[in-house]
Amino acid sequence: MGLSTQILAWSLAVGAAFGWLVIWRTTYRLRAPLLRIGTGQRIANYLLIAWRLAASVGLVVAFSWALELRSGRDDLGVALTDFGLHLRLAAADAGVLSVLLFATCYAINLGSTFLRRALRRNPKLATVTILPQTVWETAAFSLILSPAAGIGEEIVYRGFLQWAITTATGDPISAIGTQAVLFGLAHLYQGGLGVMRTFAIGVVLGAGTLASHSLIPAIVAHTLLNIASGIVRVPSPTPARAN
């Protein structure tokens, strides 16, 4: 690899990381303009979260390209295919696996909710306030935030991270566990039970990605899970006292 290619790779990675950091630190400054045009608090938050997720996807793509440049292969399409972002899985197989992953993750969600009720633990306020309350909020949650999270989080966690850890260690099982732990910790705002629930979902989606060598079933299942979570909810024992 020539010096100019190495400089380009490092510049791409550093520039993408800097751009991602700027977006993450400044995103919520856009809330006021969104509120002025009448989006409402929740829909504004959905748009801003989706923007952050898009920035994370851009960071992953930039890192993948930088790694391609350093490897001398310089083929971003192959790099994205390596961690499962492709349509090579048969449609019928992808559909069946997507349904199975969704059903399993939804069962984990329900189990976590019933456990919370049995323990008489209230959901965290951040978890409650993000859920839609009106028809327009539900539409925005389902059509904007849910697919943005389904696509963005799968590309970052089950895609890039799981692939990178597997490549580095040669152990796909530890890669699934590690990305699931990081996925769970990213949801600390949901409290301890929320972290455990998210970790379990990360393991299921990671295993599905490993089995199919494709991110598509996990993306579809994750998106459907998000939509279902916004539409169908089991009441907490005392929802008015959510902490």
C-alpha atoms as a PDB file:
ATOM      1  CA  MET A   1       0.000   0.000   0.000  1.00  0.00           C
ATOM      2  CA  GLY A   2       1.390   3.364  -1.040  1.00  0.00           C
ATOM      3  CA  LEU A   3       1.893   6.229   1.366  1.00  0.00           C
ATOM      4  CA  SER A   4      -0.784   8.313  -0.369  1.00  0.00           C
ATOM      5  CA  THR A   5      -3.335   5.501   0.019  1.00  0.00           C
ATOM      6  CA  GLN A   6      -2.447   5.103   3.699  1.00  0.00           C
ATOM      7  CA  ILE A   7      -2.863   8.845   4.275  1.00  0.00           C
ATOM      8  CA  LEU A   8      -6.208   8.758   2.454  1.00  0.00           C
ATOM      9  CA  ALA A   9      -7.418   5.856   4.599  1.00  0.00           C
ATOM     10  CA  TRP A  10      -6.451   7.550   7.858  1.00  0.00           C
ATOM     11  CA  SER A  11      -7.890  10.879   6.704  1.00  0.00           C
ATOM     12  CA  LEU A  12     -11.170   9.194   5.817  1.00  0.00           C
ATOM     13  CA  ALA A  13     -11.427   7.431   9.175  1.00  0.00           C
ATOM     14  CA  VAL A  14     -10.459  10.474  11.263  1.00  0.00           C
ATOM     15  CA  GLY A  15     -12.666  12.813   9.254  1.00  0.00           C
ATOM     16  CA  ALA A  16     -15.653  10.491   9.555  1.00  0.00           C
ATOM     17  CA  ALA A  17     -15.127  10.112  13.312  1.00  0.00           C
ATOM     18  CA  PHE A  18     -14.890  13.887  13.730  1.00  0.00           C
ATOM     19  CA  GLY A  19     -18.018  14.447  11.638  1.00  0.00           C
ATOM     20  CA  TRP A  20     -19.925  11.830  13.643  1.00  0.00           C
ATOM     21  CA  LEU A  21     -18.867  13.447  16.929  1.00  0.00           C
ATOM     22  CA  VAL A  22     -19.963  16.890  15.742  1.00  0.00           C
ATOM     23  CA  ILE A  23     -23.359  15.576  14.649  1.00  0.00           C
ATOM     24  CA  TRP A  24     -23.916  13.719  17.928  1.00  0.00           C
ATOM     25  CA  ARG A  25     -22.998  16.750  20.034  1.00  0.00           C
ATOM     26  CA  THR A  26     -25.004  19.285  18.037  1.00  0.00           C
ATOM     27  CA  THR A  27     -28.067  17.325  16.890  1.00  0.00           C
ATOM     28  CA  TYR A  28     -30.431  18.517  19.596  1.00  0.00           C
ATOM     29  CA  ARG A  29     -29.781  22.139  18.687  1.00  0.00           C
ATOM     30  CA  LEU A  30     -32.107  21.379  15.787  1.00  0.00           C
ATOM     31  CA  ARG A  31     -35.020  20.682  18.138  1.00  0.00           C
ATOM     32  CA  ALA A  32     -36.042  24.339  18.440  1.00  0.00           C
ATOM     33  CA  PRO A  33     -36.331  24.874  14.643  1.00  0.00           C
ATOM     34  CA  LEU A  34     -38.333  21.649  14.325  1.00  0.00           C
ATOM     35  CA  LEU A  35     -40.682  22.716  17.093  1.00  0.00           C
ATOM     36  CA  ARG A  36     -41.161  26.093  15.412  1.00  0.00           C
ATOM     37  CA  ILE A  37     -42.463  24.396  12.265  1.00  0.00           C
ATOM     38  CA  GLY A  38     -44.945  22.419  14.360  1.00  0.00           C
ATOM     39  CA  THR A  39     -43.540  18.901  14.585  1.00  0.00           C
ATOM     40  CA  GLY A  40     -44.258  18.524  18.293  1.00  0.00           C
ATOM     41  CA  GLN A  41     -41.811  17.319  20.945  1.00  0.00           C
ATOM     42  CA  ARG A  42     -41.944  13.577  20.254  1.00  0.00           C
ATOM     43  CA  ILE A  43     -41.842  13.770  16.469  1.00  0.00           C
ATOM     44  CA  ALA A  44     -38.928  16.214  16.698  1.00  0.00           C
ATOM     45  CA  ASN A  45     -37.106  13.724  18.900  1.00  0.00           C
ATOM     46  CA  TYR A  46     -37.834  10.888  16.435  1.00  0.00           C
ATOM     47  CA  LEU A  47     -36.352  12.945  13.586  1.00  0.00           C
ATOM     48  CA  LEU A  48     -33.261  13.859  15.611  1.00  0.00           C
ATOM     49  CA  ILE A  49     -32.637  10.285  16.755  1.00  0.00           C
ATOM     50  CA  ALA A  50     -32.997   9.110  13.150  1.00  0.00           C
ATOM     51  CA  TRP A  51     -30.446  11.763  12.095  1.00  0.00           C
ATOM     52  CA  ARG A  52     -27.980  10.482  14.699  1.00  0.00           C
ATOM     53  CA  LEU A  53     -28.494   6.915  13.521  1.00  0.00           C
ATOM     54  CA  ALA A  54     -27.860   7.989   9.927  1.00  0.00           C
ATOM     55  CA  ALA A  55     -24.602   9.581  11.085  1.00  0.00           C
ATOM     56  CA  SER A  56     -23.598   6.292  12.733  1.00  0.00           C
ATOM     57  CA  VAL A  57     -24.270   4.407   9.492  1.00  0.00           C
ATOM     58  CA  GLY A  58     -22.154   6.952   7.635  1.00  0.00           C
ATOM     59  CA  LEU A  59     -19.339   6.403  10.149  1.00  0.00           C
ATOM     60  CA  VAL A  60     -19.476   2.636   9.636  1.00  0.00           C
ATOM     61  CA  VAL A  61     -19.411   3.009   5.850  1.00  0.00           C
ATOM     62  CA  ALA A  62     -16.441   5.390   6.079  1.00  0.00           C
ATOM     63  CA  PHE A  63     -14.542   3.033   8.397  1.00  0.00           C
ATOM     64  CA  SER A  64     -15.281   0.123   6.070  1.00  0.00           C
ATOM     65  CA  TRP A  65     -13.936   2.067   3.124  1.00  0.00           C
ATOM     66  CA  ALA A  66     -10.839   3.081   5.105  1.00  0.00           C
ATOM     67  CA  LEU A  67     -10.185  -0.577   5.969  1.00  0.00           C
ATOM     68  CA  GLU A  68     -10.614  -1.479   2.307  1.00  0.00           C
ATOM     69  CA  LEU A  69      -8.062   1.117   1.318  1.00  0.00           C
ATOM     70  CA  ARG A  70      -5.596  -0.170   3.902  1.00  0.00           C
ATOM     71  CA  SER A  71      -6.083  -3.757   2.739  1.00  0.00           C
ATOM     72  CA  GLY A  72      -5.332  -2.778  -0.847  1.00  0.00           C
ATOM     73  CA  ARG A  73      -8.637  -4.208  -2.066  1.00  0.00           C
ATOM     74  CA  ASP A  74     -10.439  -0.836  -2.327  1.00  0.00           C
ATOM     75  CA  ASP A  75     -13.902  -2.318  -2.940  1.00  0.00           C
ATOM     76  CA  LEU A  76     -16.524  -0.844  -0.622  1.00  0.00           C
ATOM     77  CA  GLY A  77     -19.247  -3.081  -2.070  1.00  0.00           C
ATOM     78  CA  VAL A  78     -17.323  -6.199  -1.078  1.00  0.00           C
ATOM     79  CA  ALA A  79     -16.684  -4.771   2.385  1.00  0.00           C
ATOM     80  CA  LEU A  80     -20.391  -4.152   2.974  1.00  0.00           C
ATOM     81  CA  THR A  81     -21.188  -7.620   1.681  1.00  0.00           C
ATOM     82  CA  ASP A  82     -18.659  -9.116   4.111  1.00  0.00           C
ATOM     83  CA  PHE A  83     -20.673  -8.020   7.122  1.00  0.00           C
ATOM     84  CA  GLY A  84     -24.024  -9.017   5.662  1.00  0.00           C
ATOM     85  CA  LEU A  85     -25.377  -5.988   3.824  1.00  0.00           C
ATOM     86  CA  HIS A  86     -26.500  -7.841   0.707  1.00  0.00           C
ATOM     87  CA  LEU A  87     -29.557  -9.483  -0.873  1.00  0.00           C
ATOM     88  CA  ARG A  88     -28.058 -12.893  -1.600  1.00  0.00           C
ATOM     89  CA  LEU A  89     -30.365 -14.704   0.816  1.00  0.00           C
ATOM     90  CA  ALA A  90     -33.413 -16.245  -0.882  1.00  0.00           C
ATOM     91  CA  ALA A  91     -36.546 -14.191  -0.301  1.00  0.00           C
ATOM     92  CA  ALA A  92     -38.436 -17.114   1.252  1.00  0.00           C
ATOM     93  CA  ASP A  93     -35.570 -17.909   3.637  1.00  0.00           C
ATOM     94  CA  ALA A  94     -35.189 -14.250   4.571  1.00  0.00           C
ATOM     95  CA  GLY A  95     -38.920 -13.976   5.233  1.00  0.00           C
ATOM     96  CA  VAL A  96     -39.073 -17.061   7.449  1.00  0.00           C
ATOM     97  CA  LEU A  97     -35.996 -16.074   9.439  1.00  0.00           C
ATOM     98  CA  SER A  98     -37.262 -12.494   9.826  1.00  0.00           C
ATOM     99  CA  VAL A  99     -40.537 -13.774  11.308  1.00  0.00           C
ATOM    100  CA  LEU A 100     -38.737 -16.167  13.653  1.00  0.00           C
ATOM    101  CA  LEU A 101     -36.355 -13.457  14.857  1.00  0.00           C
ATOM    102  CA  PHE A 102     -39.209 -11.002  15.340  1.00  0.00           C
ATOM    103  CA  ALA A 103     -41.294 -13.527  17.280  1.00  0.00           C
ATOM    104  CA  THR A 104     -38.370 -14.431  19.537  1.00  0.00           C
ATOM    105  CA  CYS A 105     -37.455 -10.803  20.218  1.00  0.00           C
ATOM    106  CA  TYR A 106     -41.084  -9.887  20.849  1.00  0.00           C
ATOM    107  CA  ALA A 107     -41.330 -12.747  23.341  1.00  0.00           C
ATOM    108  CA  ILE A 108     -38.247 -11.328  25.094  1.00  0.00           C
ATOM    109  CA  ASN A 109     -39.944  -7.916  25.195  1.00  0.00           C
ATOM    110  CA  LEU A 110     -43.106  -9.397  26.712  1.00  0.00           C
ATOM    111  CA  GLY A 111     -41.120 -11.467  29.195  1.00  0.00           C
ATOM    112  CA  SER A 112     -39.223  -8.370  30.299  1.00  0.00           C
ATOM    113  CA  THR A 113     -42.477  -6.446  30.728  1.00  0.00           C
ATOM    114  CA  PHE A 114     -44.103  -9.178  32.800  1.00  0.00           C
ATOM    115  CA  LEU A 115     -40.944  -9.527  34.900  1.00  0.00           C
ATOM    116  CA  ARG A 116     -40.994  -5.783  35.516  1.00  0.00           C
ATOM    117  CA  ARG A 117     -44.625  -6.027  36.619  1.00  0.00           C
ATOM    118  CA  ALA A 118     -43.896  -9.003  38.886  1.00  0.00           C
ATOM    119  CA  LEU A 119     -41.066  -7.067  40.519  1.00  0.00           C
ATOM    120  CA  ARG A 120     -43.262  -3.954  40.655  1.00  0.00           C
ATOM    121  CA  ARG A 121     -40.562  -1.968  38.912  1.00  0.00           C
ATOM    122  CA  ASN A 122     -41.658   1.072  36.940  1.00  0.00           C
ATOM    123  CA  PRO A 123     -40.164   1.840  33.522  1.00  0.00           C
ATOM    124  CA  LYS A 124     -37.658   4.656  33.275  1.00  0.00           C
ATOM    125  CA  LEU A 125     -39.110   8.004  32.288  1.00  0.00           C
ATOM    126  CA  ALA A 126     -36.980   8.125  29.127  1.00  0.00           C
ATOM    127  CA  THR A 127     -38.515   4.826  28.012  1.00  0.00           C
ATOM    128  CA  VAL A 128     -42.058   6.053  28.609  1.00  0.00           C
ATOM    129  CA  THR A 129     -41.704   9.469  27.009  1.00  0.00           C
ATOM    130  CA  ILE A 130     -40.298   8.153  23.720  1.00  0.00           C
ATOM    131  CA  LEU A 131     -43.419   6.081  23.011  1.00  0.00           C
ATOM    132  CA  PRO A 132     -46.012   7.680  20.705  1.00  0.00           C
ATOM    133  CA  GLN A 133     -49.318   8.924  22.091  1.00  0.00           C
ATOM    134  CA  THR A 134     -51.169  10.298  19.056  1.00  0.00           C
ATOM    135  CA  VAL A 135     -51.928   9.032  15.560  1.00  0.00           C
ATOM    136  CA  TRP A 136     -49.330  11.340  14.005  1.00  0.00           C
ATOM    137  CA  GLU A 137     -46.699  10.375  16.562  1.00  0.00           C
ATOM    138  CA  THR A 138     -47.423   6.689  15.952  1.00  0.00           C
ATOM    139  CA  ALA A 139     -47.057   7.218  12.198  1.00  0.00           C
ATOM    140  CA  ALA A 140     -43.729   9.022  12.662  1.00  0.00           C
ATOM    141  CA  PHE A 141     -42.539   6.390  15.143  1.00  0.00           C
ATOM    142  CA  SER A 142     -43.443   3.561  12.746  1.00  0.00           C
ATOM    143  CA  LEU A 143     -42.311   5.128   9.469  1.00  0.00           C
ATOM    144  CA  ILE A 144     -39.260   7.145  10.563  1.00  0.00           C
ATOM    145  CA  LEU A 145     -37.779   6.084  13.887  1.00  0.00           C
ATOM    146  CA  SER A 146     -38.476   2.339  13.717  1.00  0.00           C
ATOM    147  CA  PRO A 147     -36.790   1.701  10.333  1.00  0.00           C
ATOM    148  CA  ALA A 148     -33.991   4.151  11.165  1.00  0.00           C
ATOM    149  CA  ALA A 149     -33.208   2.209  14.357  1.00  0.00           C
ATOM    150  CA  GLY A 150     -33.724  -1.160  12.655  1.00  0.00           C
ATOM    151  CA  ILE A 151     -31.327  -0.318   9.841  1.00  0.00           C
ATOM    152  CA  GLY A 152     -28.850   1.818  11.775  1.00  0.00           C
ATOM    153  CA  GLU A 153     -28.409  -0.353  14.871  1.00  0.00           C
ATOM    154  CA  GLU A 154     -28.179  -3.562  12.840  1.00  0.00           C
ATOM    155  CA  ILE A 155     -25.522  -2.154  10.538  1.00  0.00           C
ATOM    156  CA  VAL A 156     -23.493  -0.879  13.503  1.00  0.00           C
ATOM    157  CA  TYR A 157     -23.864  -3.803  15.951  1.00  0.00           C
ATOM    158  CA  ARG A 158     -24.743  -7.012  14.075  1.00  0.00           C
ATOM    159  CA  GLY A 159     -23.006  -5.793  10.942  1.00  0.00           C
ATOM    160  CA  PHE A 160     -19.779  -3.897  11.423  1.00  0.00           C
ATOM    161  CA  LEU A 161     -18.987  -4.691  15.076  1.00  0.00           C
ATOM    162  CA  GLN A 162     -19.838  -8.389  14.898  1.00  0.00           C
ATOM    163  CA  TRP A 163     -17.872  -8.762  11.661  1.00  0.00           C
ATOM    164  CA  ALA A 164     -14.883  -6.769  12.950  1.00  0.00           C
ATOM    165  CA  ILE A 165     -14.663  -8.743  16.216  1.00  0.00           C
ATOM    166  CA  THR A 166     -15.037 -12.050  14.374  1.00  0.00           C
ATOM    167  CA  THR A 167     -12.309 -11.030  11.923  1.00  0.00           C
ATOM    168  CA  ALA A 168      -9.995  -9.965  14.750  1.00  0.00           C
ATOM    169  CA  THR A 169     -10.554 -12.975  17.046  1.00  0.00           C
ATOM    170  CA  GLY A 170     -11.728 -15.737  14.730  1.00  0.00           C
ATOM    171  CA  ASP A 171     -14.477 -16.484  17.264  1.00  0.00           C
ATOM    172  CA  PRO A 172     -18.002 -15.590  16.059  1.00  0.00           C
ATOM    173  CA  ILE A 173     -19.582 -16.636  19.374  1.00  0.00           C
ATOM    174  CA  SER A 174     -17.565 -14.123  21.382  1.00  0.00           C
ATOM    175  CA  ALA A 175     -18.316 -11.556  18.675  1.00  0.00           C
ATOM    176  CA  ILE A 176     -22.049 -12.086  19.161  1.00  0.00           C
ATOM    177  CA  GLY A 177     -21.669 -11.776  22.927  1.00  0.00           C
ATOM    178  CA  THR A 178     -19.488  -8.671  22.754  1.00  0.00           C
ATOM    179  CA  GLN A 179     -21.701  -6.749  20.368  1.00  0.00           C
ATOM    180  CA  ALA A 180     -24.752  -7.727  22.433  1.00  0.00           C
ATOM    181  CA  VAL A 181     -23.110  -6.389  25.598  1.00  0.00           C
ATOM    182  CA  LEU A 182     -22.301  -3.099  23.847  1.00  0.00           C
ATOM    183  CA  PHE A 183     -25.832  -2.984  22.434  1.00  0.00           C
ATOM    184  CA  GLY A 184     -27.251  -3.469  25.916  1.00  0.00           C
ATOM    185  CA  LEU A 185     -25.007  -0.808  27.456  1.00  0.00           C
ATOM    186  CA  ALA A 186     -26.105   1.654  24.779  1.00  0.00           C
ATOM    187  CA  HIS A 187     -29.588   1.359  26.313  1.00  0.00           C
ATOM    188  CA  LEU A 188     -28.577   2.181  29.892  1.00  0.00           C
ATOM    189  CA  TYR A 189     -31.188   4.933  29.888  1.00  0.00           C
ATOM    190  CA  GLN A 190     -33.783   2.121  30.080  1.00  0.00           C
ATOM    191  CA  GLY A 191     -32.419   0.872  33.401  1.00  0.00           C
ATOM    192  CA  GLY A 192     -31.007  -2.518  34.399  1.00  0.00           C
ATOM    193  CA  LEU A 193     -33.919  -4.601  33.109  1.00  0.00           C
ATOM    194  CA  GLY A 194     -33.835  -2.675  29.857  1.00  0.00           C
ATOM    195  CA  VAL A 195     -30.129  -3.423  29.421  1.00  0.00           C
ATOM    196  CA  MET A 196     -30.729  -7.134  30.065  1.00  0.00           C
ATOM    197  CA  ARG A 197     -33.646  -7.201  27.618  1.00  0.00           C
ATOM    198  CA  THR A 198     -31.653  -5.396  24.937  1.00  0.00           C
ATOM    199  CA  PHE A 199     -28.668  -7.694  25.494  1.00  0.00           C
ATOM    200  CA  ALA A 200     -30.877 -10.763  24.954  1.00  0.00           C
ATOM    201  CA  ILE A 201     -32.327  -9.252  21.773  1.00  0.00           C
ATOM    202  CA  GLY A 202     -28.790  -8.489  20.579  1.00  0.00           C
ATOM    203  CA  VAL A 203     -27.796 -12.131  21.078  1.00  0.00           C
ATOM    204  CA  VAL A 204     -30.829 -13.374  19.111  1.00  0.00           C
ATOM    205  CA  LEU A 205     -30.292 -10.965  16.223  1.00  0.00           C
ATOM    206  CA  GLY A 206     -26.554 -11.657  16.219  1.00  0.00           C
ATOM    207  CA  ALA A 207     -27.164 -15.404  16.027  1.00  0.00           C
ATOM    208  CA  GLY A 208     -29.638 -14.878  13.184  1.00  0.00           C
ATOM    209  CA  THR A 209     -27.084 -12.802  11.294  1.00  0.00           C
ATOM    210  CA  LEU A 210     -24.387 -15.426  11.826  1.00  0.00           C
ATOM    211  CA  ALA A 211     -26.680 -18.241  10.680  1.00  0.00           C
ATOM    212  CA  SER A 212     -27.848 -16.454   7.532  1.00  0.00           C
ATOM    213  CA  HIS A 213     -24.674 -14.477   6.732  1.00  0.00           C
ATOM    214  CA  SER A 214     -27.063 -11.598   6.030  1.00  0.00           C
ATOM    215  CA  LEU A 215     -28.244  -8.518   7.921  1.00  0.00           C
ATOM    216  CA  ILE A 216     -31.572  -8.357   6.107  1.00  0.00           C
ATOM    217  CA  PRO A 217     -33.570 -10.684   8.429  1.00  0.00           C
ATOM    218  CA  ALA A 218     -32.249  -8.875  11.514  1.00  0.00           C
ATOM    219  CA  ILE A 219     -33.065  -5.474   9.992  1.00  0.00           C
ATOM    220  CA  VAL A 220     -36.615  -6.551   9.138  1.00  0.00           C
ATOM    221  CA  ALA A 221     -37.173  -8.198  12.545  1.00  0.00           C
ATOM    222  CA  HIS A 222     -35.738  -5.226  14.437  1.00  0.00           C
ATOM    223  CA  THR A 223     -37.893  -2.758  12.497  1.00  0.00           C
ATOM    224  CA  LEU A 224     -41.047  -4.820  13.092  1.00  0.00           C
ATOM    225  CA  LEU A 225     -40.177  -5.125  16.779  1.00  0.00           C
ATOM    226  CA  ASN A 226     -39.841  -1.361  17.076  1.00  0.00           C
ATOM    227  CA  ILE A 227     -43.160  -0.775  15.322  1.00  0.00           C
ATOM    228  CA  ALA A 228     -44.915  -3.335  17.533  1.00  0.00           C
ATOM    229  CA  SER A 229     -43.406  -1.768  20.654  1.00  0.00           C
ATOM    230  CA  GLY A 230     -44.872   1.588  19.687  1.00  0.00           C
ATOM    231  CA  ILE A 231     -48.341   0.236  18.930  1.00  0.00           C
ATOM    232  CA  VAL A 232     -48.910  -2.615  21.403  1.00  0.00           C
ATOM    233  CA  ARG A 233     -47.969  -1.951  25.012  1.00  0.00           C
ATOM    234  CA  VAL A 234     -48.590  -3.810  28.267  1.00  0.00           C
ATOM    235  CA  PRO A 235     -49.366  -1.272  31.034  1.00  0.00           C
ATOM    236  CA  SER A 236     -46.944  -0.966  33.933  1.00  0.00           C
ATOM    237  CA  PRO A 237     -48.339  -1.550  37.429  1.00  0.00           C
ATOM    238  CA  THR A 238     -48.294   2.199  38.158  1.00  0.00           C
ATOM    239  CA  PRO A 239     -47.417   3.959  34.880  1.00  0.00           C
ATOM    240  CA  ALA A 240     -48.050   7.415  36.301  1.00  0.00           C
ATOM    241  CA  ARG A 241     -45.097   6.952  38.654  1.00  0.00           C
ATOM    242  CA  ALA A 242     -42.537   6.017  35.992  1.00  0.00           C
ATOM    243  CA  ASN A 243     -39.124   7.118  37.211  1.00  0.00           C
END
